[in-house]
Amino acid sequence: MASTGASHKLEYSLAAPGIVEIALYSISGKQIALLENSYKDAGQYSANLGNLNLGTGQYLIRFRSSSLTKTTSFYFMR
């Protein structure tokens, strides 16, 4: 997963098809948005963060698929 600051997109790839869930949390653990929760074929995808009206600060992203669960923090700058 990679975040591109200029476009406010989260880019990710899937090696195998399956259900993908991507959730955004405040640093205190409160869920802010569910960015994705659907079946995806293997391939390259992106999720848009620009329409969430996030303030500058640190956030958590949780990515879940059939083969991986990963939580990472990032710093969002407007």
PDB file of N, CA and C in Angstrom:
ATOM      1  N   MET A   1       0.852  -1.178   0.000  1.00  0.00           N
ATOM      2  CA  MET A   1       0.000   0.000   0.000  1.00  0.00           C
ATOM      3  C   MET A   1       0.891   1.232   0.000  1.00  0.00           C
ATOM      4  N   ALA A   2       0.486   2.212  -0.725  1.00  0.00           N
ATOM      5  CA  ALA A   2       1.224   3.472  -0.781  1.00  0.00           C
ATOM      6  C   ALA A   2       0.235   4.614  -0.841  1.00  0.00           C
ATOM      7  N   SER A   3       0.539   5.693  -0.142  1.00  0.00           N
ATOM      8  CA  SER A   3      -0.310   6.877  -0.185  1.00  0.00           C
ATOM      9  C   SER A   3       0.391   7.945  -0.993  1.00  0.00           C
ATOM     10  N   THR A   4      -0.327   8.523  -1.938  1.00  0.00           N
ATOM     11  CA  THR A   4       0.244   9.594  -2.743  1.00  0.00           C
ATOM     12  C   THR A   4      -0.371  10.904  -2.274  1.00  0.00           C
ATOM     13  N   GLY A   5       0.409  11.720  -1.602  1.00  0.00           N
ATOM     14  CA  GLY A   5      -0.081  12.918  -0.952  1.00  0.00           C
ATOM     15  C   GLY A   5      -0.732  13.922  -1.868  1.00  0.00           C
ATOM     16  N   ALA A   6      -0.176  14.162  -3.046  1.00  0.00           N
ATOM     17  CA  ALA A   6      -0.702  15.189  -3.928  1.00  0.00           C
ATOM     18  C   ALA A   6      -2.126  14.879  -4.373  1.00  0.00           C
ATOM     19  N   SER A   7      -2.420  13.624  -4.649  1.00  0.00           N
ATOM     20  CA  SER A   7      -3.742  13.268  -5.125  1.00  0.00           C
ATOM     21  C   SER A   7      -4.622  12.682  -4.021  1.00  0.00           C
ATOM     22  N   HIS A   8      -4.080  12.451  -2.858  1.00  0.00           N
ATOM     23  CA  HIS A   8      -4.819  11.890  -1.723  1.00  0.00           C
ATOM     24  C   HIS A   8      -5.456  10.553  -2.072  1.00  0.00           C
ATOM     25  N   LYS A   9      -4.671   9.669  -2.682  1.00  0.00           N
ATOM     26  CA  LYS A   9      -5.138   8.333  -3.028  1.00  0.00           C
ATOM     27  C   LYS A   9      -4.312   7.280  -2.315  1.00  0.00           C
ATOM     28  N   LEU A  10      -4.969   6.199  -1.976  1.00  0.00           N
ATOM     29  CA  LEU A  10      -4.311   5.033  -1.403  1.00  0.00           C
ATOM     30  C   LEU A  10      -4.285   3.977  -2.492  1.00  0.00           C
ATOM     31  N   GLU A  11      -3.103   3.602  -2.925  1.00  0.00           N
ATOM     32  CA  GLU A  11      -2.967   2.624  -4.000  1.00  0.00           C
ATOM     33  C   GLU A  11      -2.598   1.264  -3.407  1.00  0.00           C
ATOM     34  N   TYR A  12      -3.216   0.213  -3.953  1.00  0.00           N
ATOM     35  CA  TYR A  12      -2.942  -1.136  -3.469  1.00  0.00           C
ATOM     36  C   TYR A  12      -3.118  -2.133  -4.610  1.00  0.00           C
ATOM     37  N   SER A  13      -2.548  -3.314  -4.431  1.00  0.00           N
ATOM     38  CA  SER A  13      -2.691  -4.362  -5.435  1.00  0.00           C
ATOM     39  C   SER A  13      -3.086  -5.663  -4.757  1.00  0.00           C
ATOM     40  N   LEU A  14      -3.791  -6.478  -5.492  1.00  0.00           N
ATOM     41  CA  LEU A  14      -4.230  -7.784  -5.009  1.00  0.00           C
ATOM     42  C   LEU A  14      -3.649  -8.870  -5.902  1.00  0.00           C
ATOM     43  N   ALA A  15      -3.029  -9.850  -5.290  1.00  0.00           N
ATOM     44  CA  ALA A  15      -2.472 -10.969  -6.042  1.00  0.00           C
ATOM     45  C   ALA A  15      -3.546 -12.000  -6.374  1.00  0.00           C
ATOM     46  N   ALA A  16      -4.599 -12.041  -5.562  1.00  0.00           N
ATOM     47  CA  ALA A  16      -5.681 -13.005  -5.767  1.00  0.00           C
ATOM     48  C   ALA A  16      -7.017 -12.303  -5.541  1.00  0.00           C
ATOM     49  N   PRO A  17      -8.069 -12.750  -6.181  1.00  0.00           N
ATOM     50  CA  PRO A  17      -9.380 -12.131  -5.984  1.00  0.00           C
ATOM     51  C   PRO A  17      -9.929 -12.421  -4.591  1.00  0.00           C
ATOM     52  N   GLY A  18     -10.831 -11.552  -4.114  1.00  0.00           N
ATOM     53  CA  GLY A  18     -11.458 -11.760  -2.820  1.00  0.00           C
ATOM     54  C   GLY A  18     -12.111 -10.494  -2.301  1.00  0.00           C
ATOM     55  N   ILE A  19     -12.688 -10.607  -1.118  1.00  0.00           N
ATOM     56  CA  ILE A  19     -13.315  -9.467  -0.451  1.00  0.00           C
ATOM     57  C   ILE A  19     -12.208  -8.577   0.109  1.00  0.00           C
ATOM     58  N   VAL A  20     -12.323  -7.274  -0.125  1.00  0.00           N
ATOM     59  CA  VAL A  20     -11.364  -6.291   0.377  1.00  0.00           C
ATOM     60  C   VAL A  20     -12.107  -5.310   1.269  1.00  0.00           C
ATOM     61  N   GLU A  21     -11.549  -5.059   2.440  1.00  0.00           N
ATOM     62  CA  GLU A  21     -12.088  -4.042   3.334  1.00  0.00           C
ATOM     63  C   GLU A  21     -10.968  -3.089   3.696  1.00  0.00           C
ATOM     64  N   ILE A  22     -11.195  -1.799   3.468  1.00  0.00           N
ATOM     65  CA  ILE A  22     -10.225  -0.774   3.844  1.00  0.00           C
ATOM     66  C   ILE A  22     -10.962   0.244   4.708  1.00  0.00           C
ATOM     67  N   ALA A  23     -10.496   0.404   5.948  1.00  0.00           N
ATOM     68  CA  ALA A  23     -11.134   1.315   6.883  1.00  0.00           C
ATOM     69  C   ALA A  23     -10.127   2.351   7.371  1.00  0.00           C
ATOM     70  N   LEU A  24     -10.604   3.574   7.563  1.00  0.00           N
ATOM     71  CA  LEU A  24      -9.792   4.688   8.044  1.00  0.00           C
ATOM     72  C   LEU A  24     -10.193   5.004   9.474  1.00  0.00           C
ATOM     73  N   TYR A  25      -9.191   5.156  10.352  1.00  0.00           N
ATOM     74  CA  TYR A  25      -9.427   5.425  11.772  1.00  0.00           C
ATOM     75  C   TYR A  25      -8.647   6.644  12.228  1.00  0.00           C
ATOM     76  N   SER A  26      -9.193   7.325  13.226  1.00  0.00           N
ATOM     77  CA  SER A  26      -8.412   8.369  13.899  1.00  0.00           C
ATOM     78  C   SER A  26      -7.332   7.680  14.705  1.00  0.00           C
ATOM     79  N   ILE A  27      -6.345   8.421  15.142  1.00  0.00           N
ATOM     80  CA  ILE A  27      -5.252   7.832  15.909  1.00  0.00           C
ATOM     81  C   ILE A  27      -5.750   7.277  17.251  1.00  0.00           C
ATOM     82  N   SER A  28      -6.909   7.755  17.717  1.00  0.00           N
ATOM     83  CA  SER A  28      -7.489   7.244  18.963  1.00  0.00           C
ATOM     84  C   SER A  28      -8.314   5.973  18.745  1.00  0.00           C
ATOM     85  N   GLY A  29      -8.465   5.546  17.477  1.00  0.00           N
ATOM     86  CA  GLY A  29      -9.141   4.290  17.191  1.00  0.00           C
ATOM     87  C   GLY A  29     -10.576   4.408  16.727  1.00  0.00           C
ATOM     88  N   LYS A  30     -11.105   5.600  16.568  1.00  0.00           N
ATOM     89  CA  LYS A  30     -12.480   5.788  16.104  1.00  0.00           C
ATOM     90  C   LYS A  30     -12.533   5.653  14.579  1.00  0.00           C
ATOM     91  N   GLN A  31     -13.436   4.792  14.085  1.00  0.00           N
ATOM     92  CA  GLN A  31     -13.556   4.630  12.639  1.00  0.00           C
ATOM     93  C   GLN A  31     -14.142   5.902  12.033  1.00  0.00           C
ATOM     94  N   ILE A  32     -13.455   6.420  11.020  1.00  0.00           N
ATOM     95  CA  ILE A  32     -13.872   7.636  10.324  1.00  0.00           C
ATOM     96  C   ILE A  32     -14.615   7.295   9.043  1.00  0.00           C
ATOM     97  N   ALA A  33     -14.125   6.302   8.314  1.00  0.00           N
ATOM     98  CA  ALA A  33     -14.735   5.942   7.036  1.00  0.00           C
ATOM     99  C   ALA A  33     -14.405   4.512   6.662  1.00  0.00           C
ATOM    100  N   LEU A  34     -15.312   3.904   5.922  1.00  0.00           N
ATOM    101  CA  LEU A  34     -15.076   2.609   5.303  1.00  0.00           C
ATOM    102  C   LEU A  34     -14.865   2.905   3.825  1.00  0.00           C
ATOM    103  N   LEU A  35     -13.616   2.825   3.377  1.00  0.00           N
ATOM    104  CA  LEU A  35     -13.263   3.215   2.019  1.00  0.00           C
ATOM    105  C   LEU A  35     -13.606   2.151   0.987  1.00  0.00           C
ATOM    106  N   GLU A  36     -13.569   0.902   1.402  1.00  0.00           N
ATOM    107  CA  GLU A  36     -13.841  -0.198   0.473  1.00  0.00           C
ATOM    108  C   GLU A  36     -14.363  -1.375   1.261  1.00  0.00           C
ATOM    109  N   ASN A  37     -15.361  -2.041   0.727  1.00  0.00           N
ATOM    110  CA  ASN A  37     -15.878  -3.269   1.325  1.00  0.00           C
ATOM    111  C   ASN A  37     -16.605  -4.034   0.226  1.00  0.00           C
ATOM    112  N   SER A  38     -15.832  -4.666  -0.645  1.00  0.00           N
ATOM    113  CA  SER A  38     -16.429  -5.355  -1.781  1.00  0.00           C
ATOM    114  C   SER A  38     -15.469  -6.404  -2.346  1.00  0.00           C
ATOM    115  N   TYR A  39     -16.017  -7.214  -3.229  1.00  0.00           N
ATOM    116  CA  TYR A  39     -15.228  -8.219  -3.928  1.00  0.00           C
ATOM    117  C   TYR A  39     -14.404  -7.527  -5.014  1.00  0.00           C
ATOM    118  N   LYS A  40     -13.130  -7.887  -5.103  1.00  0.00           N
ATOM    119  CA  LYS A  40     -12.244  -7.343  -6.132  1.00  0.00           C
ATOM    120  C   LYS A  40     -11.499  -8.488  -6.807  1.00  0.00           C
ATOM    121  N   ASP A  41     -11.334  -8.377  -8.113  1.00  0.00           N
ATOM    122  CA  ASP A  41     -10.472  -9.308  -8.841  1.00  0.00           C
ATOM    123  C   ASP A  41      -9.015  -8.952  -8.569  1.00  0.00           C
ATOM    124  N   ALA A  42      -8.106  -9.856  -8.863  1.00  0.00           N
ATOM    125  CA  ALA A  42      -6.680  -9.558  -8.734  1.00  0.00           C
ATOM    126  C   ALA A  42      -6.354  -8.373  -9.637  1.00  0.00           C
ATOM    127  N   GLY A  43      -5.472  -7.470  -9.157  1.00  0.00           N
ATOM    128  CA  GLY A  43      -5.103  -6.313  -9.960  1.00  0.00           C
ATOM    129  C   GLY A  43      -4.729  -5.109  -9.121  1.00  0.00           C
ATOM    130  N   GLN A  44      -4.600  -3.969  -9.760  1.00  0.00           N
ATOM    131  CA  GLN A  44      -4.207  -2.706  -9.135  1.00  0.00           C
ATOM    132  C   GLN A  44      -5.453  -1.853  -8.888  1.00  0.00           C
ATOM    133  N   TYR A  45      -5.511  -1.215  -7.710  1.00  0.00           N
ATOM    134  CA  TYR A  45      -6.663  -0.397  -7.342  1.00  0.00           C
ATOM    135  C   TYR A  45      -6.197   0.840  -6.583  1.00  0.00           C
ATOM    136  N   SER A  46      -7.107   1.799  -6.430  1.00  0.00           N
ATOM    137  CA  SER A  46      -6.841   2.952  -5.584  1.00  0.00           C
ATOM    138  C   SER A  46      -8.124   3.356  -4.881  1.00  0.00           C
ATOM    139  N   ALA A  47      -7.963   3.921  -3.694  1.00  0.00           N
ATOM    140  CA  ALA A  47      -9.084   4.445  -2.912  1.00  0.00           C
ATOM    141  C   ALA A  47      -8.825   5.935  -2.710  1.00  0.00           C
ATOM    142  N   ASN A  48      -9.838   6.739  -2.927  1.00  0.00           N
ATOM    143  CA  ASN A  48      -9.706   8.188  -2.852  1.00  0.00           C
ATOM    144  C   ASN A  48      -9.933   8.683  -1.422  1.00  0.00           C
ATOM    145  N   LEU A  49      -8.960   9.423  -0.888  1.00  0.00           N
ATOM    146  CA  LEU A  49      -9.087  10.026   0.436  1.00  0.00           C
ATOM    147  C   LEU A  49      -9.490  11.498   0.351  1.00  0.00           C
ATOM    148  N   GLY A  50      -9.444  12.083  -0.833  1.00  0.00           N
ATOM    149  CA  GLY A  50      -9.647  13.509  -1.001  1.00  0.00           C
ATOM    150  C   GLY A  50     -11.038  14.007  -0.655  1.00  0.00           C
ATOM    151  N   ASN A  51     -12.050  13.170  -0.778  1.00  0.00           N
ATOM    152  CA  ASN A  51     -13.410  13.616  -0.508  1.00  0.00           C
ATOM    153  C   ASN A  51     -13.826  13.440   0.950  1.00  0.00           C
ATOM    154  N   LEU A  52     -12.902  13.057   1.818  1.00  0.00           N
ATOM    155  CA  LEU A  52     -13.226  12.824   3.227  1.00  0.00           C
ATOM    156  C   LEU A  52     -13.095  14.060   4.099  1.00  0.00           C
ATOM    157  N   ASN A  53     -12.549  15.135   3.569  1.00  0.00           N
ATOM    158  CA  ASN A  53     -12.372  16.374   4.327  1.00  0.00           C
ATOM    159  C   ASN A  53     -11.581  16.138   5.615  1.00  0.00           C
ATOM    160  N   LEU A  54     -10.466  15.426   5.499  1.00  0.00           N
ATOM    161  CA  LEU A  54      -9.606  15.139   6.649  1.00  0.00           C
ATOM    162  C   LEU A  54      -8.776  16.360   7.007  1.00  0.00           C
ATOM    163  N   GLY A  55      -8.566  16.557   8.275  1.00  0.00           N
ATOM    164  CA  GLY A  55      -7.647  17.587   8.731  1.00  0.00           C
ATOM    165  C   GLY A  55      -6.234  17.042   8.766  1.00  0.00           C
ATOM    166  N   THR A  56      -5.274  17.921   8.802  1.00  0.00           N
ATOM    167  CA  THR A  56      -3.887  17.491   8.920  1.00  0.00           C
ATOM    168  C   THR A  56      -3.712  16.732  10.234  1.00  0.00           C
ATOM    169  N   GLY A  57      -3.072  15.572  10.162  1.00  0.00           N
ATOM    170  CA  GLY A  57      -2.845  14.781  11.365  1.00  0.00           C
ATOM    171  C   GLY A  57      -2.522  13.346  11.045  1.00  0.00           C
ATOM    172  N   GLN A  58      -2.362  12.562  12.103  1.00  0.00           N
ATOM    173  CA  GLN A  58      -2.012  11.157  11.964  1.00  0.00           C
ATOM    174  C   GLN A  58      -3.273  10.301  11.985  1.00  0.00           C
ATOM    175  N   TYR A  59      -3.317   9.308  11.094  1.00  0.00           N
ATOM    176  CA  TYR A  59      -4.464   8.409  10.947  1.00  0.00           C
ATOM    177  C   TYR A  59      -3.975   6.977  10.813  1.00  0.00           C
ATOM    178  N   LEU A  60      -4.911   6.041  10.948  1.00  0.00           N
ATOM    179  CA  LEU A  60      -4.637   4.624  10.761  1.00  0.00           C
ATOM    180  C   LEU A  60      -5.480   4.105   9.606  1.00  0.00           C
ATOM    181  N   ILE A  61      -4.891   3.226   8.814  1.00  0.00           N
ATOM    182  CA  ILE A  61      -5.609   2.537   7.747  1.00  0.00           C
ATOM    183  C   ILE A  61      -5.520   1.043   8.044  1.00  0.00           C
ATOM    184  N   ARG A  62      -6.675   0.373   8.039  1.00  0.00           N
ATOM    185  CA  ARG A  62      -6.679  -1.085   8.192  1.00  0.00           C
ATOM    186  C   ARG A  62      -7.114  -1.693   6.863  1.00  0.00           C
ATOM    187  N   PHE A  63      -6.281  -2.550   6.333  1.00  0.00           N
ATOM    188  CA  PHE A  63      -6.527  -3.244   5.073  1.00  0.00           C
ATOM    189  C   PHE A  63      -6.751  -4.713   5.380  1.00  0.00           C
ATOM    190  N   ARG A  64      -7.872  -5.268   4.904  1.00  0.00           N
ATOM    191  CA  ARG A  64      -8.159  -6.693   5.078  1.00  0.00           C
ATOM    192  C   ARG A  64      -8.506  -7.307   3.733  1.00  0.00           C
ATOM    193  N   SER A  65      -7.930  -8.463   3.488  1.00  0.00           N
ATOM    194  CA  SER A  65      -8.297  -9.276   2.337  1.00  0.00           C
ATOM    195  C   SER A  65      -8.295 -10.719   2.805  1.00  0.00           C
ATOM    196  N   SER A  66      -8.573 -11.639   1.902  1.00  0.00           N
ATOM    197  CA  SER A  66      -8.603 -13.050   2.296  1.00  0.00           C
ATOM    198  C   SER A  66      -7.235 -13.556   2.730  1.00  0.00           C
ATOM    199  N   SER A  67      -6.161 -12.894   2.269  1.00  0.00           N
ATOM    200  CA  SER A  67      -4.821 -13.384   2.591  1.00  0.00           C
ATOM    201  C   SER A  67      -4.005 -12.455   3.486  1.00  0.00           C
ATOM    202  N   LEU A  68      -4.549 -11.276   3.854  1.00  0.00           N
ATOM    203  CA  LEU A  68      -3.741 -10.303   4.592  1.00  0.00           C
ATOM    204  C   LEU A  68      -4.614  -9.381   5.429  1.00  0.00           C
ATOM    205  N   THR A  69      -4.162  -9.115   6.643  1.00  0.00           N
ATOM    206  CA  THR A  69      -4.720  -8.037   7.457  1.00  0.00           C
ATOM    207  C   THR A  69      -3.549  -7.186   7.898  1.00  0.00           C
ATOM    208  N   LYS A  70      -3.622  -5.896   7.591  1.00  0.00           N
ATOM    209  CA  LYS A  70      -2.512  -5.001   7.908  1.00  0.00           C
ATOM    210  C   LYS A  70      -3.069  -3.653   8.359  1.00  0.00           C
ATOM    211  N   THR A  71      -2.493  -3.128   9.440  1.00  0.00           N
ATOM    212  CA  THR A  71      -2.837  -1.790   9.910  1.00  0.00           C
ATOM    213  C   THR A  71      -1.576  -0.955   9.887  1.00  0.00           C
ATOM    214  N   THR A  72      -1.678   0.224   9.316  1.00  0.00           N
ATOM    215  CA  THR A  72      -0.526   1.110   9.225  1.00  0.00           C
ATOM    216  C   THR A  72      -0.953   2.535   9.541  1.00  0.00           C
ATOM    217  N   SER A  73      -0.033   3.317  10.056  1.00  0.00           N
ATOM    218  CA  SER A  73      -0.333   4.716  10.330  1.00  0.00           C
ATOM    219  C   SER A  73       0.271   5.587   9.237  1.00  0.00           C
ATOM    220  N   PHE A  74      -0.327   6.745   9.049  1.00  0.00           N
ATOM    221  CA  PHE A  74       0.223   7.710   8.089  1.00  0.00           C
ATOM    222  C   PHE A  74      -0.129   9.114   8.540  1.00  0.00           C
ATOM    223  N   TYR A  75       0.623  10.050   8.073  1.00  0.00           N
ATOM    224  CA  TYR A  75       0.412  11.455   8.384  1.00  0.00           C
ATOM    225  C   TYR A  75      -0.204  12.127   7.166  1.00  0.00           C
ATOM    226  N   PHE A  76      -1.392  12.695   7.331  1.00  0.00           N
ATOM    227  CA  PHE A  76      -2.103  13.344   6.234  1.00  0.00           C
ATOM    228  C   PHE A  76      -1.874  14.849   6.307  1.00  0.00           C
ATOM    229  N   MET A  77      -1.437  15.425   5.203  1.00  0.00           N
ATOM    230  CA  MET A  77      -1.247  16.883   5.134  1.00  0.00           C
ATOM    231  C   MET A  77      -2.138  17.441   4.052  1.00  0.00           C
ATOM    232  N   ARG A  78      -2.849  18.435   4.375  1.00  0.00           N
ATOM    233  CA  ARG A  78      -3.769  19.081   3.443  1.00  0.00           C
ATOM    234  C   ARG A  78      -3.017  20.077   2.604  1.00  0.00           C
TER     235      ARG A  78
END
